Amino acid sequence: QLRLVESGGGLVQPGGSLRLSCAASGFTSQFQSIAWFRQAPGKEREGVSCLTTASNSAYYKESVKGRFTISRDISLNTIYLQMNGLRPEDTAVYYCAADRIRCGNTFGNSWYSVGNEYHYWGQGTQVTVSS
């Protein structure tokens, strides 16, 4: 069984930065992609960034390109989401998810997903961007 635990959320001013972490344990070698999603109150869940592990290919939602970076530390089984230039509209609960599928629905380094294809999820971490 795969377990995912997020951390690193918090309150930050507009323009600030946060780094989210997702620590994975269990059968991590079986998973072909790990992704970050977010959900704001009253809004649909949306994919933020996805990493296909075999190729280390990274994909992003259009609105976070150039601001967010997904990366991983294989030795720690941890995925990170570095978020710079945060905006109030980035406020949401952020979740990491993983599954035995590569990042799909990609075009260039753009990615779109609402997460229905992912079966393994963390508990989420709150990110609030406010002055």
N, C-alpha and C. Protein backbone atom coordinates (compact mmCIF):
# COMPACT_ATOMS: atom_id res chain seq x y z
N GLN A 1 0.85 -1.19 0.00
CA GLN A 1 0.00 0.00 0.00
C GLN A 1 0.88 1.24 0.00
N LEU A 2 0.54 2.18 -0.83
CA LEU A 2 1.30 3.41 -0.90
C LEU A 2 0.71 4.44 0.05
N ARG A 3 1.58 5.13 0.79
CA ARG A 3 1.13 6.20 1.67
C ARG A 3 1.83 7.49 1.27
N LEU A 4 1.05 8.55 1.20
CA LEU A 4 1.57 9.85 0.81
C LEU A 4 1.25 10.85 1.92
N VAL A 5 2.24 11.61 2.34
CA VAL A 5 2.05 12.59 3.41
C VAL A 5 2.62 13.93 2.97
N GLU A 6 1.73 14.93 2.86
CA GLU A 6 2.16 16.27 2.46
C GLU A 6 2.54 17.11 3.67
N SER A 7 3.38 18.07 3.43
CA SER A 7 3.74 19.05 4.46
C SER A 7 4.24 20.31 3.76
N GLY A 8 4.36 21.39 4.53
CA GLY A 8 4.95 22.61 4.00
C GLY A 8 3.99 23.74 3.71
N GLY A 9 2.71 23.49 3.88
CA GLY A 9 1.75 24.55 3.65
C GLY A 9 1.83 25.62 4.72
N GLY A 10 1.10 26.72 4.49
CA GLY A 10 1.08 27.79 5.46
C GLY A 10 0.50 29.06 4.88
N LEU A 11 0.68 30.13 5.62
CA LEU A 11 0.21 31.46 5.22
C LEU A 11 1.40 32.25 4.69
N VAL A 12 1.22 32.82 3.52
CA VAL A 12 2.30 33.59 2.90
C VAL A 12 1.70 34.82 2.23
N GLN A 13 2.47 35.88 2.16
CA GLN A 13 2.01 37.09 1.50
C GLN A 13 2.11 36.95 -0.01
N PRO A 14 1.31 37.69 -0.75
CA PRO A 14 1.43 37.67 -2.22
C PRO A 14 2.87 37.96 -2.64
N GLY A 15 3.33 37.21 -3.61
CA GLY A 15 4.70 37.33 -4.07
C GLY A 15 5.68 36.44 -3.33
N GLY A 16 5.24 35.83 -2.26
CA GLY A 16 6.10 34.98 -1.45
C GLY A 16 6.26 33.59 -2.02
N SER A 17 6.98 32.76 -1.27
CA SER A 17 7.30 31.41 -1.72
C SER A 17 7.00 30.39 -0.63
N LEU A 18 6.70 29.19 -1.06
CA LEU A 18 6.56 28.03 -0.19
C LEU A 18 7.09 26.82 -0.93
N ARG A 19 7.57 25.84 -0.18
CA ARG A 19 7.92 24.56 -0.77
C ARG A 19 7.12 23.47 -0.07
N LEU A 20 6.30 22.80 -0.87
CA LEU A 20 5.53 21.67 -0.36
C LEU A 20 6.33 20.39 -0.56
N SER A 21 6.16 19.48 0.38
CA SER A 21 6.80 18.17 0.29
C SER A 21 5.74 17.09 0.33
N CYS A 22 6.01 15.99 -0.36
CA CYS A 22 5.13 14.82 -0.35
C CYS A 22 6.03 13.60 -0.13
N ALA A 23 5.97 13.05 1.06
CA ALA A 23 6.78 11.89 1.40
C ALA A 23 6.00 10.63 1.09
N ALA A 24 6.60 9.75 0.28
CA ALA A 24 5.94 8.52 -0.13
C ALA A 24 6.56 7.32 0.58
N SER A 25 5.73 6.38 0.96
CA SER A 25 6.22 5.13 1.54
C SER A 25 5.35 4.00 1.04
N GLY A 26 5.88 2.79 1.10
CA GLY A 26 5.15 1.65 0.57
C GLY A 26 5.71 1.24 -0.78
N PHE A 27 4.87 0.78 -1.69
CA PHE A 27 5.30 0.26 -2.98
C PHE A 27 5.56 1.39 -3.98
N THR A 28 6.49 2.24 -3.65
CA THR A 28 6.73 3.44 -4.45
C THR A 28 7.29 3.12 -5.83
N SER A 29 7.98 1.99 -5.99
CA SER A 29 8.60 1.69 -7.27
C SER A 29 7.58 1.38 -8.35
N GLN A 30 6.35 1.08 -7.97
CA GLN A 30 5.33 0.73 -8.94
C GLN A 30 4.70 1.94 -9.60
N PHE A 31 4.94 3.09 -9.09
CA PHE A 31 4.20 4.25 -9.55
C PHE A 31 4.94 5.01 -10.63
N GLN A 32 4.22 5.32 -11.68
CA GLN A 32 4.80 5.94 -12.86
C GLN A 32 4.67 7.45 -12.88
N SER A 33 3.81 7.98 -12.07
CA SER A 33 3.72 9.44 -11.98
C SER A 33 3.26 9.84 -10.59
N ILE A 34 3.72 11.00 -10.20
CA ILE A 34 3.26 11.64 -8.98
C ILE A 34 2.88 13.07 -9.34
N ALA A 35 1.77 13.51 -8.80
CA ALA A 35 1.23 14.81 -9.21
C ALA A 35 0.78 15.62 -8.00
N TRP A 36 0.69 16.91 -8.22
CA TRP A 36 0.13 17.82 -7.24
C TRP A 36 -1.19 18.37 -7.78
N PHE A 37 -2.19 18.37 -6.93
CA PHE A 37 -3.49 18.93 -7.22
C PHE A 37 -3.82 19.97 -6.16
N ARG A 38 -4.83 20.77 -6.43
CA ARG A 38 -5.30 21.70 -5.42
C ARG A 38 -6.81 21.87 -5.56
N GLN A 39 -7.40 22.24 -4.45
CA GLN A 39 -8.84 22.51 -4.46
C GLN A 39 -9.15 23.66 -3.52
N ALA A 40 -9.73 24.70 -4.09
CA ALA A 40 -10.15 25.86 -3.32
C ALA A 40 -11.62 25.68 -2.95
N PRO A 41 -12.07 26.33 -1.89
CA PRO A 41 -13.48 26.19 -1.47
C PRO A 41 -14.43 26.55 -2.60
N GLY A 42 -15.38 25.67 -2.85
CA GLY A 42 -16.39 25.92 -3.86
C GLY A 42 -15.93 25.73 -5.29
N LYS A 43 -14.69 25.27 -5.45
CA LYS A 43 -14.16 25.08 -6.81
C LYS A 43 -13.80 23.63 -7.06
N GLU A 44 -13.71 23.29 -8.34
CA GLU A 44 -13.33 21.94 -8.73
C GLU A 44 -11.85 21.72 -8.45
N ARG A 45 -11.52 20.49 -8.14
CA ARG A 45 -10.12 20.13 -7.99
C ARG A 45 -9.39 20.32 -9.33
N GLU A 46 -8.17 20.78 -9.29
CA GLU A 46 -7.41 21.00 -10.52
C GLU A 46 -5.98 20.51 -10.37
N GLY A 47 -5.46 20.00 -11.45
CA GLY A 47 -4.08 19.55 -11.45
C GLY A 47 -3.15 20.74 -11.55
N VAL A 48 -2.09 20.71 -10.78
CA VAL A 48 -1.11 21.79 -10.76
C VAL A 48 0.17 21.38 -11.49
N SER A 49 0.68 20.19 -11.17
CA SER A 49 1.92 19.74 -11.78
C SER A 49 2.01 18.23 -11.69
N CYS A 50 2.66 17.63 -12.67
CA CYS A 50 2.79 16.18 -12.73
C CYS A 50 4.21 15.81 -13.14
N LEU A 51 4.71 14.73 -12.55
CA LEU A 51 6.05 14.25 -12.87
C LEU A 51 5.96 12.78 -13.27
N THR A 52 6.37 12.46 -14.49
CA THR A 52 6.49 11.07 -14.91
C THR A 52 7.86 10.57 -14.43
N THR A 53 7.85 9.58 -13.55
CA THR A 53 9.07 9.22 -12.84
C THR A 53 10.15 8.60 -13.72
N ALA A 54 9.76 7.77 -14.70
CA ALA A 54 10.76 7.09 -15.51
C ALA A 54 11.60 8.07 -16.32
N SER A 55 10.97 9.10 -16.84
CA SER A 55 11.66 10.07 -17.68
C SER A 55 12.01 11.35 -16.95
N ASN A 56 11.48 11.49 -15.74
CA ASN A 56 11.63 12.73 -14.97
C ASN A 56 11.06 13.93 -15.74
N SER A 57 10.05 13.67 -16.56
CA SER A 57 9.40 14.74 -17.31
C SER A 57 8.39 15.45 -16.43
N ALA A 58 8.42 16.77 -16.48
CA ALA A 58 7.54 17.58 -15.64
C ALA A 58 6.55 18.35 -16.49
N TYR A 59 5.35 18.45 -15.99
CA TYR A 59 4.27 19.12 -16.69
C TYR A 59 3.55 20.05 -15.71
N TYR A 60 2.95 21.11 -16.27
CA TYR A 60 2.36 22.13 -15.41
C TYR A 60 1.05 22.65 -15.96
N LYS A 61 0.19 23.04 -15.04
CA LYS A 61 -0.99 23.84 -15.39
C LYS A 61 -0.48 25.17 -15.91
N GLU A 62 -1.18 25.70 -16.90
CA GLU A 62 -0.71 26.93 -17.56
C GLU A 62 -0.47 28.06 -16.59
N SER A 63 -1.37 28.25 -15.64
CA SER A 63 -1.29 29.44 -14.79
C SER A 63 -0.15 29.38 -13.77
N VAL A 64 0.52 28.22 -13.63
CA VAL A 64 1.61 28.15 -12.67
C VAL A 64 2.97 28.04 -13.35
N LYS A 65 2.96 27.94 -14.66
CA LYS A 65 4.23 27.84 -15.38
C LYS A 65 5.11 29.04 -15.09
N GLY A 66 6.39 28.76 -14.88
CA GLY A 66 7.33 29.83 -14.58
C GLY A 66 7.35 30.23 -13.13
N ARG A 67 6.38 29.77 -12.35
CA ARG A 67 6.32 30.08 -10.92
C ARG A 67 6.52 28.85 -10.05
N PHE A 68 5.98 27.72 -10.47
CA PHE A 68 6.05 26.48 -9.69
C PHE A 68 7.02 25.52 -10.36
N THR A 69 7.71 24.73 -9.53
CA THR A 69 8.62 23.71 -10.03
C THR A 69 8.43 22.43 -9.24
N ILE A 70 8.21 21.33 -9.96
CA ILE A 70 8.10 20.02 -9.32
C ILE A 70 9.45 19.32 -9.41
N SER A 71 9.82 18.62 -8.35
CA SER A 71 11.09 17.90 -8.36
C SER A 71 10.97 16.73 -7.38
N ARG A 72 11.98 15.87 -7.40
CA ARG A 72 11.94 14.75 -6.47
C ARG A 72 13.34 14.42 -5.96
N ASP A 73 13.35 13.85 -4.77
CA ASP A 73 14.58 13.31 -4.19
C ASP A 73 14.35 11.81 -4.08
N ILE A 74 14.98 11.05 -5.00
CA ILE A 74 14.73 9.61 -5.05
C ILE A 74 15.15 8.94 -3.75
N SER A 75 16.25 9.39 -3.18
CA SER A 75 16.77 8.74 -1.97
C SER A 75 15.83 8.90 -0.79
N LEU A 76 15.05 9.99 -0.81
CA LEU A 76 14.12 10.25 0.29
C LEU A 76 12.69 9.87 -0.06
N ASN A 77 12.47 9.39 -1.30
CA ASN A 77 11.11 9.10 -1.77
C ASN A 77 10.19 10.29 -1.53
N THR A 78 10.68 11.45 -1.86
CA THR A 78 9.94 12.68 -1.61
C THR A 78 9.82 13.51 -2.88
N ILE A 79 8.63 14.03 -3.09
CA ILE A 79 8.35 14.93 -4.21
C ILE A 79 8.14 16.32 -3.63
N TYR A 80 8.65 17.31 -4.34
CA TYR A 80 8.53 18.68 -3.87
C TYR A 80 7.77 19.53 -4.89
N LEU A 81 7.13 20.56 -4.41
CA LEU A 81 6.55 21.59 -5.27
C LEU A 81 7.03 22.93 -4.74
N GLN A 82 7.99 23.51 -5.45
CA GLN A 82 8.48 24.84 -5.10
C GLN A 82 7.55 25.85 -5.74
N MET A 83 7.00 26.71 -4.92
CA MET A 83 6.02 27.69 -5.40
C MET A 83 6.56 29.08 -5.12
N ASN A 84 6.83 29.81 -6.20
CA ASN A 84 7.32 31.18 -6.09
C ASN A 84 6.28 32.14 -6.68
N GLY A 85 6.39 33.40 -6.36
CA GLY A 85 5.46 34.37 -6.91
C GLY A 85 4.02 34.05 -6.61
N LEU A 86 3.75 33.63 -5.39
CA LEU A 86 2.41 33.18 -5.05
C LEU A 86 1.39 34.31 -5.14
N ARG A 87 0.20 33.94 -5.57
CA ARG A 87 -0.90 34.88 -5.75
C ARG A 87 -2.07 34.47 -4.89
N PRO A 88 -2.96 35.39 -4.56
CA PRO A 88 -4.15 35.00 -3.76
C PRO A 88 -4.94 33.87 -4.40
N GLU A 89 -4.98 33.82 -5.72
CA GLU A 89 -5.73 32.75 -6.39
C GLU A 89 -5.05 31.38 -6.29
N ASP A 90 -3.86 31.32 -5.74
CA ASP A 90 -3.21 30.04 -5.48
C ASP A 90 -3.67 29.43 -4.15
N THR A 91 -4.46 30.17 -3.40
CA THR A 91 -4.96 29.68 -2.12
C THR A 91 -5.84 28.45 -2.32
N ALA A 92 -5.50 27.36 -1.63
CA ALA A 92 -6.22 26.10 -1.77
C ALA A 92 -5.60 25.08 -0.84
N VAL A 93 -6.27 23.95 -0.72
CA VAL A 93 -5.64 22.77 -0.13
C VAL A 93 -4.92 22.04 -1.25
N TYR A 94 -3.66 21.75 -1.02
CA TYR A 94 -2.83 21.08 -2.01
C TYR A 94 -2.66 19.62 -1.63
N TYR A 95 -2.84 18.75 -2.62
CA TYR A 95 -2.74 17.31 -2.42
C TYR A 95 -1.70 16.72 -3.38
N CYS A 96 -0.98 15.72 -2.92
CA CYS A 96 -0.20 14.94 -3.87
C CYS A 96 -0.92 13.62 -4.11
N ALA A 97 -0.71 13.09 -5.29
CA ALA A 97 -1.35 11.85 -5.71
C ALA A 97 -0.37 11.06 -6.56
N ALA A 98 -0.56 9.73 -6.60
CA ALA A 98 0.32 8.88 -7.38
C ALA A 98 -0.47 7.70 -7.93
N ASP A 99 0.03 7.12 -9.01
CA ASP A 99 -0.60 5.93 -9.58
C ASP A 99 0.31 5.29 -10.60
N ARG A 100 -0.13 4.13 -11.11
CA ARG A 100 0.67 3.37 -12.08
C ARG A 100 0.40 3.85 -13.50
N ILE A 101 0.33 5.11 -13.69
CA ILE A 101 0.10 5.72 -14.99
C ILE A 101 1.06 6.86 -15.17
N ARG A 102 1.43 7.13 -16.41
CA ARG A 102 2.24 8.31 -16.68
C ARG A 102 1.34 9.54 -16.67
N CYS A 103 1.96 10.71 -16.61
CA CYS A 103 1.19 11.94 -16.73
C CYS A 103 0.51 11.92 -18.10
N GLY A 104 -0.81 12.07 -18.09
CA GLY A 104 -1.55 12.06 -19.35
C GLY A 104 -2.08 13.42 -19.68
N ASN A 105 -2.69 13.51 -20.86
CA ASN A 105 -3.31 14.76 -21.30
C ASN A 105 -2.30 15.90 -21.26
N THR A 106 -1.16 15.66 -21.88
CA THR A 106 -0.10 16.67 -21.91
C THR A 106 0.05 17.22 -23.31
N PHE A 107 0.50 18.45 -23.40
CA PHE A 107 0.83 19.08 -24.67
C PHE A 107 2.03 19.96 -24.42
N GLY A 108 3.19 19.55 -24.98
CA GLY A 108 4.43 20.24 -24.59
C GLY A 108 4.65 19.97 -23.13
N ASN A 109 4.85 21.01 -22.33
CA ASN A 109 4.96 20.79 -20.89
C ASN A 109 3.72 21.25 -20.15
N SER A 110 2.62 21.35 -20.90
CA SER A 110 1.34 21.69 -20.29
C SER A 110 0.61 20.42 -19.90
N TRP A 111 -0.20 20.51 -18.90
CA TRP A 111 -0.90 19.35 -18.37
C TRP A 111 -2.24 19.76 -17.85
N TYR A 112 -3.23 18.91 -18.12
CA TYR A 112 -4.56 19.15 -17.59
C TYR A 112 -5.08 17.87 -16.97
N SER A 113 -5.56 17.97 -15.73
CA SER A 113 -6.18 16.82 -15.06
C SER A 113 -7.01 17.33 -13.90
N VAL A 114 -8.08 16.60 -13.58
CA VAL A 114 -8.82 16.86 -12.35
C VAL A 114 -8.61 15.72 -11.35
N GLY A 115 -7.78 14.76 -11.73
CA GLY A 115 -7.34 13.76 -10.78
C GLY A 115 -8.13 12.48 -10.72
N ASN A 116 -9.12 12.29 -11.57
CA ASN A 116 -9.95 11.09 -11.47
C ASN A 116 -9.17 9.81 -11.74
N GLU A 117 -8.03 9.94 -12.44
CA GLU A 117 -7.25 8.75 -12.79
C GLU A 117 -6.30 8.31 -11.67
N TYR A 118 -6.22 9.10 -10.59
CA TYR A 118 -5.31 8.79 -9.49
C TYR A 118 -6.07 8.16 -8.33
N HIS A 119 -5.50 7.08 -7.80
CA HIS A 119 -6.16 6.34 -6.74
C HIS A 119 -5.49 6.50 -5.38
N TYR A 120 -4.29 7.05 -5.35
CA TYR A 120 -3.57 7.18 -4.09
C TYR A 120 -3.34 8.66 -3.81
N TRP A 121 -3.82 9.09 -2.65
CA TRP A 121 -3.82 10.50 -2.31
C TRP A 121 -3.27 10.73 -0.91
N GLY A 122 -2.67 11.89 -0.73
CA GLY A 122 -2.31 12.34 0.60
C GLY A 122 -3.49 13.04 1.26
N GLN A 123 -3.26 13.53 2.47
CA GLN A 123 -4.34 14.15 3.24
C GLN A 123 -4.50 15.63 2.94
N GLY A 124 -3.52 16.22 2.27
CA GLY A 124 -3.61 17.63 1.90
C GLY A 124 -2.92 18.56 2.87
N THR A 125 -2.50 19.70 2.34
CA THR A 125 -1.90 20.74 3.16
C THR A 125 -2.42 22.09 2.68
N GLN A 126 -2.80 22.95 3.62
CA GLN A 126 -3.42 24.22 3.28
C GLN A 126 -2.37 25.25 2.90
N VAL A 127 -2.61 25.92 1.78
CA VAL A 127 -1.79 27.06 1.36
C VAL A 127 -2.70 28.28 1.29
N THR A 128 -2.36 29.32 2.01
CA THR A 128 -3.14 30.55 2.01
C THR A 128 -2.23 31.70 1.63
N VAL A 129 -2.62 32.41 0.57
CA VAL A 129 -1.85 33.56 0.11
C VAL A 129 -2.68 34.80 0.37
N SER A 130 -2.22 35.60 1.31
CA SER A 130 -3.00 36.76 1.72
C SER A 130 -2.09 37.78 2.40
N SER A 131 -2.45 39.05 2.22
CA SER A 131 -1.71 40.10 2.91
C SER A 131 -2.39 40.45 4.22
